[in-house]
Amino acid sequence: METYCAHLHNSIYLSPTGDARPCCRYRESLNLSWNENTDDIINSPQYNELRNKADNGIPLDGCQKCYAEDRAGIESIRSRVNKKFPKPKNKLEYLEISFNNICNLKCVGCEPKYSNLWGRDLEVPNPEVYNNASLPKDLSELKFLTFFGGEPFATSEHQNFLDGIVEQGYASNISVQYTTNCTLMPSTDWVDTVNKFKDVTVICSIDGIGNINEDIRQNSKWHKVLKVFSFFKSIDVRLVVNSVIMQNNIHHLKDFAEWINQQDIDEWRCNVLTWPEHLRIDKLPSTDKQELYDIISNIKCPDKNNILEYLV
């Protein structure tokens, strides 16, 4: 099994609580916090230990999702980043950042650390969390910047961060990516700002058509999703739809696939939900799984083999 990953050499993911890790998928805390001197994170003892293990073929506990995708024969994030950075520099080239957990939705597969509305609903003592991240002191090697939430368009931190990069003169070197629930319209200032960057990708999290998406992404309205989605289609961005496949939408995947394949987008990605367990498609009754296996085998859908593996 391949275990080498460029993320362990050149990347930082900063969570809403300020926890720093090699990427958004890495599930184990390293007890690292944000530092404007990002070399202190990337060359920390924790990162060095992970690199030594992975470079020598030792699987890492926090990387199991990518390993599972590799085994299923689909392109994992690990594989993608290795192509993007064949010779990582042990410097900050790739930054993924969530400034807070502020969100306007309560998605069924989410939790308080990524949605303050879930925190309020579950009566968490401090439902809103912020990490107060500042710009890195050295942006000279940064090539890729991605914003997560919460919902990034629900607050202005991402805009302030971009403005700081523009002021320092590095924007044209950097590709920017957003992951959004596609319910909030960006400002005119945002459009003007991102046009100064190398290129922009917008990943819209959409899990079904109409009430299917509304039931999964609670508080969303389908007509608003369509309006924001149309806006992104009208501007100069690379547009991606990311869908989480779960019990709530898999019975409607055929209709959803037909709708997606009629849209003018650059890519559709499907990820199989692994948490919470009661929504996993491998927990469906065997009769449902057999029926769905036959249907999904014949539809045009990305990562289909990975979905089918959960139905065996």
Protein backbone atom coordinates (compact mmCIF):
# COMPACT_ATOMS: atom_id res chain seq x y z
CA MET A 1 0.00 0.00 0.00
CA GLU A 2 1.28 3.46 -0.93
CA THR A 3 1.51 5.75 2.10
CA TYR A 4 3.66 8.67 0.91
CA CYS A 5 1.75 11.99 0.89
CA ALA A 6 2.98 15.46 -0.10
CA HIS A 7 0.56 16.96 2.43
CA LEU A 8 2.89 15.78 5.18
CA HIS A 9 5.65 17.95 3.71
CA ASN A 10 4.01 21.17 2.58
CA SER A 11 0.47 21.53 3.93
CA ILE A 12 -1.44 22.85 6.93
CA TYR A 13 -5.13 22.50 7.70
CA LEU A 14 -6.35 24.85 10.41
CA SER A 15 -9.62 23.79 12.05
CA PRO A 16 -12.25 26.19 13.48
CA THR A 17 -10.83 25.56 16.96
CA GLY A 18 -7.25 26.36 15.87
CA ASP A 19 -5.99 22.79 15.70
CA ALA A 20 -3.30 22.46 12.99
CA ARG A 21 -2.95 19.22 11.03
CA PRO A 22 -1.53 18.12 7.65
CA CYS A 23 -4.91 18.16 5.88
CA CYS A 24 -8.66 18.42 6.46
CA ARG A 25 -9.01 14.63 6.37
CA TYR A 26 -6.34 13.83 8.92
CA ARG A 27 -8.33 12.69 11.95
CA GLU A 28 -5.75 12.59 14.77
CA SER A 29 -4.89 15.69 16.80
CA LEU A 30 -1.20 16.58 16.77
CA ASN A 31 -1.51 19.16 19.57
CA LEU A 32 -0.31 21.89 17.21
CA SER A 33 -1.79 25.40 17.06
CA TRP A 34 -1.59 28.14 14.45
CA ASN A 35 1.72 29.95 14.16
CA GLU A 36 2.42 32.80 11.73
CA ASN A 37 5.86 31.19 11.32
CA THR A 38 4.40 28.20 9.51
CA ASP A 39 7.81 26.50 9.28
CA ASP A 40 7.42 25.82 13.00
CA ILE A 41 4.39 23.65 12.21
CA ILE A 42 5.60 21.93 9.05
CA ASN A 43 9.00 21.12 10.59
CA SER A 44 7.65 20.27 14.03
CA PRO A 45 8.53 16.94 15.69
CA GLN A 46 4.94 15.79 15.05
CA TYR A 47 5.14 16.40 11.29
CA ASN A 48 8.62 14.88 11.13
CA GLU A 49 7.37 11.71 12.79
CA LEU A 50 4.45 11.40 10.36
CA ARG A 51 6.76 11.97 7.38
CA ASN A 52 9.24 9.37 8.54
CA LYS A 53 6.49 6.76 8.92
CA ALA A 54 4.72 7.50 5.63
CA ASP A 55 7.93 7.81 3.64
CA ASN A 56 8.87 4.35 4.90
CA GLY A 57 5.56 2.70 4.03
CA ILE A 58 4.01 2.74 7.50
CA PRO A 59 0.24 3.51 7.38
CA LEU A 60 -0.95 6.45 9.47
CA ASP A 61 -4.06 6.18 11.65
CA GLY A 62 -5.31 9.61 10.52
CA CYS A 63 -5.16 8.77 6.80
CA GLN A 64 -7.55 5.83 6.60
CA LYS A 65 -10.10 7.51 4.29
CA CYS A 66 -7.52 8.07 1.55
CA TYR A 67 -6.24 4.52 1.94
CA ALA A 68 -9.80 3.23 1.54
CA GLU A 69 -10.28 5.25 -1.65
CA ASP A 70 -6.97 3.98 -3.00
CA ARG A 71 -8.08 0.40 -2.38
CA ALA A 72 -11.38 1.09 -4.16
CA GLY A 73 -9.50 2.26 -7.23
CA ILE A 74 -10.65 5.88 -7.09
CA GLU A 75 -8.41 8.92 -6.91
CA SER A 76 -7.86 9.89 -3.30
CA ILE A 77 -6.86 13.32 -2.05
CA ARG A 78 -3.46 11.77 -1.33
CA SER A 79 -3.08 10.78 -4.98
CA ARG A 80 -4.25 14.19 -6.21
CA VAL A 81 -1.88 16.20 -4.04
CA ASN A 82 1.06 13.95 -4.96
CA LYS A 83 0.45 14.80 -8.62
CA LYS A 84 0.13 18.49 -7.82
CA PHE A 85 3.30 18.59 -5.72
CA PRO A 86 5.72 15.87 -6.95
CA LYS A 87 8.62 17.60 -5.13
CA PRO A 88 7.25 19.29 -1.99
CA LYS A 89 9.61 21.72 -0.28
CA ASN A 90 8.90 21.28 3.45
CA LYS A 91 7.56 24.85 3.23
CA LEU A 92 3.98 26.12 3.24
CA GLU A 93 2.72 25.50 -0.30
CA TYR A 94 -0.82 24.33 0.54
CA LEU A 95 -3.07 25.96 3.15
CA GLU A 96 -6.57 24.80 4.12
CA ILE A 97 -8.34 27.00 6.63
CA SER A 98 -11.60 27.20 8.56
CA PHE A 99 -11.76 30.48 10.48
CA ASN A 100 -14.78 29.51 12.57
CA ASN A 101 -17.80 27.22 12.78
CA ILE A 102 -20.36 29.88 11.82
CA CYS A 103 -22.92 28.32 9.50
CA ASN A 104 -26.46 29.03 8.36
CA LEU A 105 -27.34 25.31 8.04
CA LYS A 106 -27.65 22.22 10.22
CA CYS A 107 -26.68 19.35 7.92
CA VAL A 108 -27.57 15.84 9.10
CA GLY A 109 -23.99 14.60 8.84
CA CYS A 110 -22.45 17.59 10.62
CA GLU A 111 -21.61 18.41 14.23
CA PRO A 112 -21.05 21.43 16.53
CA LYS A 113 -17.38 21.93 15.69
CA TYR A 114 -18.38 22.71 12.09
CA SER A 115 -21.79 24.33 12.67
CA ASN A 116 -22.65 26.72 15.49
CA LEU A 117 -26.36 26.00 14.86
CA TRP A 118 -25.76 22.39 15.87
CA GLY A 119 -23.91 23.70 18.91
CA ARG A 120 -26.89 25.82 19.91
CA ASP A 121 -29.33 22.99 19.25
CA LEU A 122 -27.31 20.60 21.41
CA GLU A 123 -26.76 23.30 24.04
CA VAL A 124 -22.98 23.27 23.79
CA PRO A 125 -21.60 25.77 26.37
CA ASN A 126 -19.75 27.83 23.73
CA PRO A 127 -21.45 27.08 20.39
CA GLU A 128 -19.45 29.65 18.36
CA VAL A 129 -15.72 28.98 17.94
CA TYR A 130 -13.09 31.16 16.23
CA ASN A 131 -9.38 30.57 15.72
CA ASN A 132 -8.39 34.20 14.97
CA ALA A 133 -5.89 33.04 12.35
CA SER A 134 -3.63 35.70 10.89
CA LEU A 135 -1.73 35.76 7.61
CA PRO A 136 1.43 33.64 7.51
CA LYS A 137 4.58 35.77 7.68
CA ASP A 138 6.02 34.07 4.61
CA LEU A 139 3.71 33.61 1.60
CA SER A 140 6.48 33.24 -0.94
CA GLU A 141 5.94 29.50 -1.55
CA LEU A 142 2.15 29.35 -1.12
CA LYS A 143 0.52 27.93 -4.26
CA PHE A 144 -2.89 26.72 -3.10
CA LEU A 145 -5.38 28.15 -0.59
CA THR A 146 -8.75 26.62 0.27
CA PHE A 147 -11.48 27.90 2.57
CA PHE A 148 -13.82 25.68 4.59
CA GLY A 149 -16.33 26.52 7.30
CA GLY A 150 -18.71 26.51 8.96
CA GLU A 151 -19.82 28.27 5.84
CA PRO A 152 -17.08 30.58 4.53
CA PHE A 153 -19.53 33.04 2.94
CA ALA A 154 -21.33 33.50 6.29
CA THR A 155 -18.52 35.70 7.66
CA SER A 156 -15.93 38.13 6.27
CA GLU A 157 -12.74 36.48 7.52
CA HIS A 158 -12.00 34.86 4.15
CA GLN A 159 -12.34 38.23 2.38
CA ASN A 160 -9.94 39.88 4.84
CA PHE A 161 -7.45 37.05 4.33
CA LEU A 162 -7.60 37.43 0.53
CA ASP A 163 -7.21 41.20 0.80
CA GLY A 164 -4.06 40.71 2.87
CA ILE A 165 -2.57 38.43 0.24
CA VAL A 166 -3.38 40.94 -2.51
CA GLU A 167 -1.73 43.72 -0.51
CA GLN A 168 1.44 41.65 -0.18
CA GLY A 169 1.56 41.06 -3.93
CA TYR A 170 1.25 37.25 -3.97
CA ALA A 171 -2.28 36.80 -5.35
CA SER A 172 -1.28 35.93 -8.92
CA ASN A 173 0.80 32.97 -7.65
CA ILE A 174 -2.03 31.35 -5.70
CA SER A 175 -4.98 29.15 -6.68
CA VAL A 176 -8.00 29.67 -4.42
CA GLN A 177 -10.70 27.14 -3.61
CA TYR A 178 -13.95 27.44 -1.65
CA THR A 179 -16.20 24.74 -0.26
CA THR A 180 -19.67 26.21 0.19
CA ASN A 181 -23.20 25.01 0.90
CA CYS A 182 -24.33 27.14 -2.06
CA THR A 183 -26.96 29.14 -0.17
CA LEU A 184 -25.24 32.53 0.33
CA MET A 185 -24.43 34.91 -2.50
CA PRO A 186 -20.85 36.28 -2.53
CA SER A 187 -20.36 40.03 -2.57
CA THR A 188 -19.25 42.11 -5.54
CA ASP A 189 -16.01 42.83 -3.65
CA TRP A 190 -15.34 39.09 -3.51
CA VAL A 191 -15.66 38.71 -7.28
CA ASP A 192 -13.28 41.62 -7.86
CA THR A 193 -10.78 40.20 -5.37
CA VAL A 194 -10.67 36.58 -6.56
CA ASN A 195 -10.12 37.76 -10.13
CA LYS A 196 -6.66 38.87 -8.97
CA PHE A 197 -5.68 35.29 -8.07
CA LYS A 198 -4.22 32.67 -10.38
CA ASP A 199 -7.50 30.76 -10.62
CA VAL A 200 -10.56 29.97 -8.51
CA THR A 201 -12.44 26.73 -7.82
CA VAL A 202 -15.82 26.71 -6.11
CA ILE A 203 -16.99 23.38 -4.68
CA CYS A 204 -20.76 23.41 -4.09
CA SER A 205 -21.98 20.86 -1.54
CA ILE A 206 -25.26 19.63 -3.02
CA ASP A 207 -26.67 16.24 -2.04
CA GLY A 208 -29.89 15.94 -4.02
CA ILE A 209 -32.67 17.75 -5.84
CA GLY A 210 -35.31 19.89 -4.12
CA ASN A 211 -36.60 18.55 -0.80
CA ILE A 212 -33.90 15.84 -0.71
CA ASN A 213 -31.20 18.51 -0.41
CA GLU A 214 -33.37 20.55 1.97
CA ASP A 215 -33.87 17.54 4.29
CA ILE A 216 -30.16 16.76 4.38
CA ARG A 217 -29.00 20.38 4.58
CA GLN A 218 -31.56 21.65 7.07
CA ASN A 219 -32.52 25.36 6.79
CA SER A 220 -31.57 25.41 3.10
CA LYS A 221 -34.08 26.35 0.40
CA TRP A 222 -33.75 24.75 -3.01
CA HIS A 223 -34.68 27.92 -4.90
CA LYS A 224 -31.84 29.75 -3.13
CA VAL A 225 -29.40 26.95 -3.93
CA LEU A 226 -30.35 27.18 -7.60
CA LYS A 227 -29.91 30.97 -7.58
CA VAL A 228 -26.42 30.83 -6.04
CA PHE A 229 -25.47 27.86 -8.22
CA SER A 230 -26.49 29.80 -11.34
CA PHE A 231 -24.39 32.73 -10.16
CA PHE A 232 -21.29 30.57 -9.86
CA LYS A 233 -21.96 29.15 -13.32
CA SER A 234 -22.05 32.71 -14.69
CA ILE A 235 -18.60 33.81 -13.49
CA ASP A 236 -15.07 32.69 -14.32
CA VAL A 237 -14.52 29.88 -11.81
CA ARG A 238 -13.92 26.15 -12.03
CA LEU A 239 -17.19 24.74 -10.70
CA VAL A 240 -17.41 21.43 -8.85
CA VAL A 241 -20.34 19.72 -7.13
CA ASN A 242 -19.51 17.52 -4.16
CA SER A 243 -22.18 15.10 -2.92
CA VAL A 244 -22.18 12.96 0.21
CA ILE A 245 -23.91 9.64 -0.43
CA MET A 246 -25.97 8.42 2.52
CA GLN A 247 -29.22 6.64 3.33
CA ASN A 248 -31.12 9.93 2.92
CA ASN A 249 -30.29 10.34 -0.77
CA ILE A 250 -29.05 7.08 -2.26
CA HIS A 251 -32.55 5.96 -3.32
CA HIS A 252 -32.75 9.16 -5.40
CA LEU A 253 -29.23 8.98 -6.86
CA LYS A 254 -30.43 8.04 -10.36
CA ASP A 255 -32.58 11.20 -10.68
CA PHE A 256 -29.85 13.30 -9.11
CA ALA A 257 -27.26 11.95 -11.53
CA GLU A 258 -29.50 12.86 -14.47
CA TRP A 259 -29.87 16.41 -13.11
CA ILE A 260 -26.14 16.82 -12.45
CA ASN A 261 -25.20 15.57 -15.91
CA GLN A 262 -27.40 18.30 -17.42
CA GLN A 263 -25.52 21.06 -15.56
CA ASP A 264 -22.64 23.03 -17.01
CA ILE A 265 -20.02 22.14 -14.40
CA ASP A 266 -16.42 21.02 -14.52
CA GLU A 267 -16.61 18.05 -12.15
CA TRP A 268 -18.94 16.03 -9.93
CA ARG A 269 -17.52 14.21 -6.91
CA CYS A 270 -19.30 11.67 -4.73
CA ASN A 271 -18.10 10.78 -1.24
CA VAL A 272 -19.66 8.00 0.79
CA LEU A 273 -20.69 9.10 4.28
CA THR A 274 -18.84 7.30 7.08
CA TRP A 275 -20.27 9.23 10.09
CA PRO A 276 -22.76 9.20 11.73
CA GLU A 277 -22.98 5.44 11.41
CA HIS A 278 -26.77 5.17 11.33
CA LEU A 279 -26.80 7.08 8.01
CA ARG A 280 -24.19 4.89 6.31
CA ILE A 281 -25.41 3.08 3.21
CA ASP A 282 -23.78 -0.18 4.31
CA LYS A 283 -26.26 -0.24 7.22
CA LEU A 284 -29.22 -0.53 4.84
CA PRO A 285 -31.22 -3.80 4.71
CA SER A 286 -29.70 -6.35 2.33
CA THR A 287 -32.75 -6.24 0.04
CA ASP A 288 -32.35 -2.46 -0.37
CA LYS A 289 -28.64 -2.83 -1.03
CA GLN A 290 -29.18 -5.40 -3.77
CA GLU A 291 -31.82 -3.25 -5.49
CA LEU A 292 -29.62 -0.16 -5.26
CA TYR A 293 -26.57 -2.06 -6.49
CA ASP A 294 -28.37 -2.97 -9.70
CA ILE A 295 -29.62 0.60 -10.23
CA ILE A 296 -26.34 2.38 -9.48
CA SER A 297 -24.36 -0.03 -11.64
CA ASN A 298 -26.13 1.47 -14.65
CA ILE A 299 -26.01 5.20 -13.92
CA LYS A 300 -23.40 7.80 -14.84
CA CYS A 301 -21.90 8.63 -11.48
CA PRO A 302 -18.35 9.41 -10.27
CA ASP A 303 -16.66 7.15 -7.72
CA LYS A 304 -19.29 4.54 -8.54
CA ASN A 305 -17.09 1.59 -7.61
CA ASN A 306 -16.56 3.02 -4.13
CA ILE A 307 -20.34 3.42 -3.65
CA LEU A 308 -20.97 -0.11 -4.88
CA GLU A 309 -18.42 -1.53 -2.44
CA TYR A 310 -20.56 -0.26 0.44
CA LEU A 311 -23.58 -2.08 -1.01
CA VAL A 312 -22.01 -5.53 -1.29
